Amino acid sequence: MLNRTVGRVLNIPGGRHNNRKLLCLTVSTFIVVFVIYTIIRRIPG
């Protein structure tokens, strides 16, 4: 479901192996950014 949402946002057609690798990289980057953002928000000040 998350992969479908990211693919829709980036306008990436599903079913292509090259795009699947790019999609995995995009999802991984999104998760890393989200984790860093959460950690920064938890730090007071």
PDB file of N, CA and C in Angstrom:
ATOM      1  N   MET A   1       0.840  -1.198   0.000  1.00  0.00           N
ATOM      2  CA  MET A   1       0.000   0.000   0.000  1.00  0.00           C
ATOM      3  C   MET A   1       0.878   1.252   0.000  1.00  0.00           C
ATOM      4  N   LEU A   2       1.939   1.227   0.819  1.00  0.00           N
ATOM      5  CA  LEU A   2       2.866   2.361   0.864  1.00  0.00           C
ATOM      6  C   LEU A   2       3.596   2.492  -0.471  1.00  0.00           C
ATOM      7  N   ASN A   3       3.999   1.350  -1.032  1.00  0.00           N
ATOM      8  CA  ASN A   3       4.694   1.375  -2.318  1.00  0.00           C
ATOM      9  C   ASN A   3       3.794   1.956  -3.399  1.00  0.00           C
ATOM     10  N   ARG A   4       2.512   1.611  -3.357  1.00  0.00           N
ATOM     11  CA  ARG A   4       1.573   2.115  -4.351  1.00  0.00           C
ATOM     12  C   ARG A   4       1.425   3.625  -4.223  1.00  0.00           C
ATOM     13  N   THR A   5       1.373   4.115  -2.985  1.00  0.00           N
ATOM     14  CA  THR A   5       1.206   5.551  -2.754  1.00  0.00           C
ATOM     15  C   THR A   5       2.427   6.319  -3.261  1.00  0.00           C
ATOM     16  N   VAL A   6       3.617   5.839  -2.922  1.00  0.00           N
ATOM     17  CA  VAL A   6       4.847   6.504  -3.361  1.00  0.00           C
ATOM     18  C   VAL A   6       4.938   6.481  -4.883  1.00  0.00           C
ATOM     19  N   GLY A   7       4.577   5.348  -5.478  1.00  0.00           N
ATOM     20  CA  GLY A   7       4.613   5.224  -6.934  1.00  0.00           C
ATOM     21  C   GLY A   7       3.653   6.196  -7.588  1.00  0.00           C
ATOM     22  N   ARG A   8       2.497   6.378  -6.960  1.00  0.00           N
ATOM     23  CA  ARG A   8       1.503   7.302  -7.517  1.00  0.00           C
ATOM     24  C   ARG A   8       2.002   8.735  -7.418  1.00  0.00           C
ATOM     25  N   VAL A   9       2.653   9.065  -6.291  1.00  0.00           N
ATOM     26  CA  VAL A   9       3.148  10.429  -6.083  1.00  0.00           C
ATOM     27  C   VAL A   9       4.258  10.748  -7.090  1.00  0.00           C
ATOM     28  N   LEU A  10       5.151   9.782  -7.309  1.00  0.00           N
ATOM     29  CA  LEU A  10       6.273  10.009  -8.224  1.00  0.00           C
ATOM     30  C   LEU A  10       5.896   9.697  -9.667  1.00  0.00           C
ATOM     31  N   ASN A  11       4.625   9.271  -9.872  1.00  0.00           N
ATOM     32  CA  ASN A  11       4.140   8.956 -11.219  1.00  0.00           C
ATOM     33  C   ASN A  11       4.994   7.866 -11.862  1.00  0.00           C
ATOM     34  N   ILE A  12       5.289   6.825 -11.083  1.00  0.00           N
ATOM     35  CA  ILE A  12       6.085   5.704 -11.589  1.00  0.00           C
ATOM     36  C   ILE A  12       5.149   4.548 -11.949  1.00  0.00           C
ATOM     37  N   PRO A  13       5.139   4.117 -13.199  1.00  0.00           N
ATOM     38  CA  PRO A  13       4.295   2.990 -13.601  1.00  0.00           C
ATOM     39  C   PRO A  13       4.807   1.692 -12.998  1.00  0.00           C
ATOM     40  N   GLY A  14       3.899   0.882 -12.454  1.00  0.00           N
ATOM     41  CA  GLY A  14       4.322  -0.364 -11.828  1.00  0.00           C
ATOM     42  C   GLY A  14       4.571  -1.445 -12.860  1.00  0.00           C
ATOM     43  N   GLY A  15       5.405  -2.428 -12.510  1.00  0.00           N
ATOM     44  CA  GLY A  15       5.643  -3.551 -13.403  1.00  0.00           C
ATOM     45  C   GLY A  15       6.983  -3.496 -14.099  1.00  0.00           C
ATOM     46  N   ARG A  16       7.724  -2.418 -13.940  1.00  0.00           N
ATOM     47  CA  ARG A  16       9.056  -2.342 -14.557  1.00  0.00           C
ATOM     48  C   ARG A  16      10.112  -2.619 -13.501  1.00  0.00           C
ATOM     49  N   HIS A  17      11.081  -3.485 -13.829  1.00  0.00           N
ATOM     50  CA  HIS A  17      12.083  -3.887 -12.843  1.00  0.00           C
ATOM     51  C   HIS A  17      12.985  -2.715 -12.470  1.00  0.00           C
ATOM     52  N   ASN A  18      13.328  -1.884 -13.440  1.00  0.00           N
ATOM     53  CA  ASN A  18      14.186  -0.731 -13.156  1.00  0.00           C
ATOM     54  C   ASN A  18      13.495   0.226 -12.195  1.00  0.00           C
ATOM     55  N   ASN A  19      12.200   0.444 -12.413  1.00  0.00           N
ATOM     56  CA  ASN A  19      11.454   1.351 -11.552  1.00  0.00           C
ATOM     57  C   ASN A  19      11.262   0.746 -10.170  1.00  0.00           C
ATOM     58  N   ARG A  20      11.220  -0.590 -10.109  1.00  0.00           N
ATOM     59  CA  ARG A  20      11.060  -1.243  -8.809  1.00  0.00           C
ATOM     60  C   ARG A  20      12.273  -0.958  -7.933  1.00  0.00           C
ATOM     61  N   LYS A  21      13.469  -0.982  -8.531  1.00  0.00           N
ATOM     62  CA  LYS A  21      14.693  -0.685  -7.779  1.00  0.00           C
ATOM     63  C   LYS A  21      14.674   0.767  -7.317  1.00  0.00           C
ATOM     64  N   LEU A  22      14.237   1.659  -8.199  1.00  0.00           N
ATOM     65  CA  LEU A  22      14.146   3.080  -7.859  1.00  0.00           C
ATOM     66  C   LEU A  22      13.100   3.293  -6.773  1.00  0.00           C
ATOM     67  N   LEU A  23      12.003   2.541  -6.845  1.00  0.00           N
ATOM     68  CA  LEU A  23      10.931   2.667  -5.858  1.00  0.00           C
ATOM     69  C   LEU A  23      11.423   2.221  -4.490  1.00  0.00           C
ATOM     70  N   CYS A  24      12.184   1.123  -4.445  1.00  0.00           N
ATOM     71  CA  CYS A  24      12.731   0.645  -3.169  1.00  0.00           C
ATOM     72  C   CYS A  24      13.657   1.697  -2.573  1.00  0.00           C
ATOM     73  N   LEU A  25      14.477   2.317  -3.417  1.00  0.00           N
ATOM     74  CA  LEU A  25      15.397   3.350  -2.951  1.00  0.00           C
ATOM     75  C   LEU A  25      14.623   4.552  -2.426  1.00  0.00           C
ATOM     76  N   THR A  26      13.550   4.915  -3.116  1.00  0.00           N
ATOM     77  CA  THR A  26      12.730   6.054  -2.691  1.00  0.00           C
ATOM     78  C   THR A  26      12.058   5.777  -1.358  1.00  0.00           C
ATOM     79  N   VAL A  27      11.501   4.571  -1.205  1.00  0.00           N
ATOM     80  CA  VAL A  27      10.831   4.202   0.046  1.00  0.00           C
ATOM     81  C   VAL A  27      11.837   4.188   1.192  1.00  0.00           C
ATOM     82  N   SER A  28      13.025   3.645   0.941  1.00  0.00           N
ATOM     83  CA  SER A  28      14.059   3.599   1.981  1.00  0.00           C
ATOM     84  C   SER A  28      14.453   5.004   2.404  1.00  0.00           C
ATOM     85  N   THR A  29      14.634   5.887   1.424  1.00  0.00           N
ATOM     86  CA  THR A  29      14.993   7.277   1.729  1.00  0.00           C
ATOM     87  C   THR A  29      13.892   7.957   2.525  1.00  0.00           C
ATOM     88  N   PHE A  30      12.631   7.708   2.146  1.00  0.00           N
ATOM     89  CA  PHE A  30      11.492   8.313   2.839  1.00  0.00           C
ATOM     90  C   PHE A  30      11.450   7.858   4.292  1.00  0.00           C
ATOM     91  N   ILE A  31      11.707   6.558   4.529  1.00  0.00           N
ATOM     92  CA  ILE A  31      11.685   6.026   5.893  1.00  0.00           C
ATOM     93  C   ILE A  31      12.803   6.645   6.717  1.00  0.00           C
ATOM     94  N   VAL A  32      13.999   6.766   6.140  1.00  0.00           N
ATOM     95  CA  VAL A  32      15.136   7.350   6.860  1.00  0.00           C
ATOM     96  C   VAL A  32      14.841   8.800   7.227  1.00  0.00           C
ATOM     97  N   VAL A  33      14.303   9.561   6.280  1.00  0.00           N
ATOM     98  CA  VAL A  33      13.968  10.964   6.541  1.00  0.00           C
ATOM     99  C   VAL A  33      12.902  11.064   7.621  1.00  0.00           C
ATOM    100  N   PHE A  34      11.915  10.169   7.579  1.00  0.00           N
ATOM    101  CA  PHE A  34      10.839  10.185   8.570  1.00  0.00           C
ATOM    102  C   PHE A  34      11.380   9.880   9.964  1.00  0.00           C
ATOM    103  N   VAL A  35      12.291   8.907  10.056  1.00  0.00           N
ATOM    104  CA  VAL A  35      12.883   8.545  11.353  1.00  0.00           C
ATOM    105  C   VAL A  35      13.701   9.707  11.899  1.00  0.00           C
ATOM    106  N   ILE A  36      14.522  10.334  11.053  1.00  0.00           N
ATOM    107  CA  ILE A  36      15.340  11.471  11.488  1.00  0.00           C
ATOM    108  C   ILE A  36      14.446  12.621  11.937  1.00  0.00           C
ATOM    109  N   TYR A  37      13.364  12.868  11.188  1.00  0.00           N
ATOM    110  CA  TYR A  37      12.434  13.946  11.537  1.00  0.00           C
ATOM    111  C   TYR A  37      11.778  13.669  12.888  1.00  0.00           C
ATOM    112  N   THR A  38      11.421  12.399  13.137  1.00  0.00           N
ATOM    113  CA  THR A  38      10.798  12.028  14.412  1.00  0.00           C
ATOM    114  C   THR A  38      11.775  12.223  15.564  1.00  0.00           C
ATOM    115  N   ILE A  39      13.037  11.842  15.358  1.00  0.00           N
ATOM    116  CA  ILE A  39      14.051  11.996  16.405  1.00  0.00           C
ATOM    117  C   ILE A  39      14.272  13.471  16.711  1.00  0.00           C
ATOM    118  N   ILE A  40      14.333  14.302  15.670  1.00  0.00           N
ATOM    119  CA  ILE A  40      14.543  15.739  15.872  1.00  0.00           C
ATOM    120  C   ILE A  40      13.367  16.346  16.630  1.00  0.00           C
ATOM    121  N   ARG A  41      12.154  15.900  16.324  1.00  0.00           N
ATOM    122  CA  ARG A  41      10.975  16.437  17.018  1.00  0.00           C
ATOM    123  C   ARG A  41      10.970  16.039  18.486  1.00  0.00           C
ATOM    124  N   ARG A  42      11.526  14.862  18.802  1.00  0.00           N
ATOM    125  CA  ARG A  42      11.515  14.395  20.191  1.00  0.00           C
ATOM    126  C   ARG A  42      12.557  15.107  21.038  1.00  0.00           C
ATOM    127  N   ILE A  43      13.560  15.719  20.405  1.00  0.00           N
ATOM    128  CA  ILE A  43      14.588  16.441  21.160  1.00  0.00           C
ATOM    129  C   ILE A  43      14.029  17.805  21.568  1.00  0.00           C
ATOM    130  N   PRO A  44      13.972  18.084  22.868  1.00  0.00           N
ATOM    131  CA  PRO A  44      13.424  19.370  23.325  1.00  0.00           C
ATOM    132  C   PRO A  44      14.307  20.541  22.917  1.00  0.00           C
ATOM    133  N   GLY A  45      13.676  21.636  22.538  1.00  0.00           N
ATOM    134  CA  GLY A  45      14.416  22.831  22.164  1.00  0.00           C
ATOM    135  C   GLY A  45      14.941  22.745  20.755  1.00  0.00           C
TER     136      GLY A  45
END
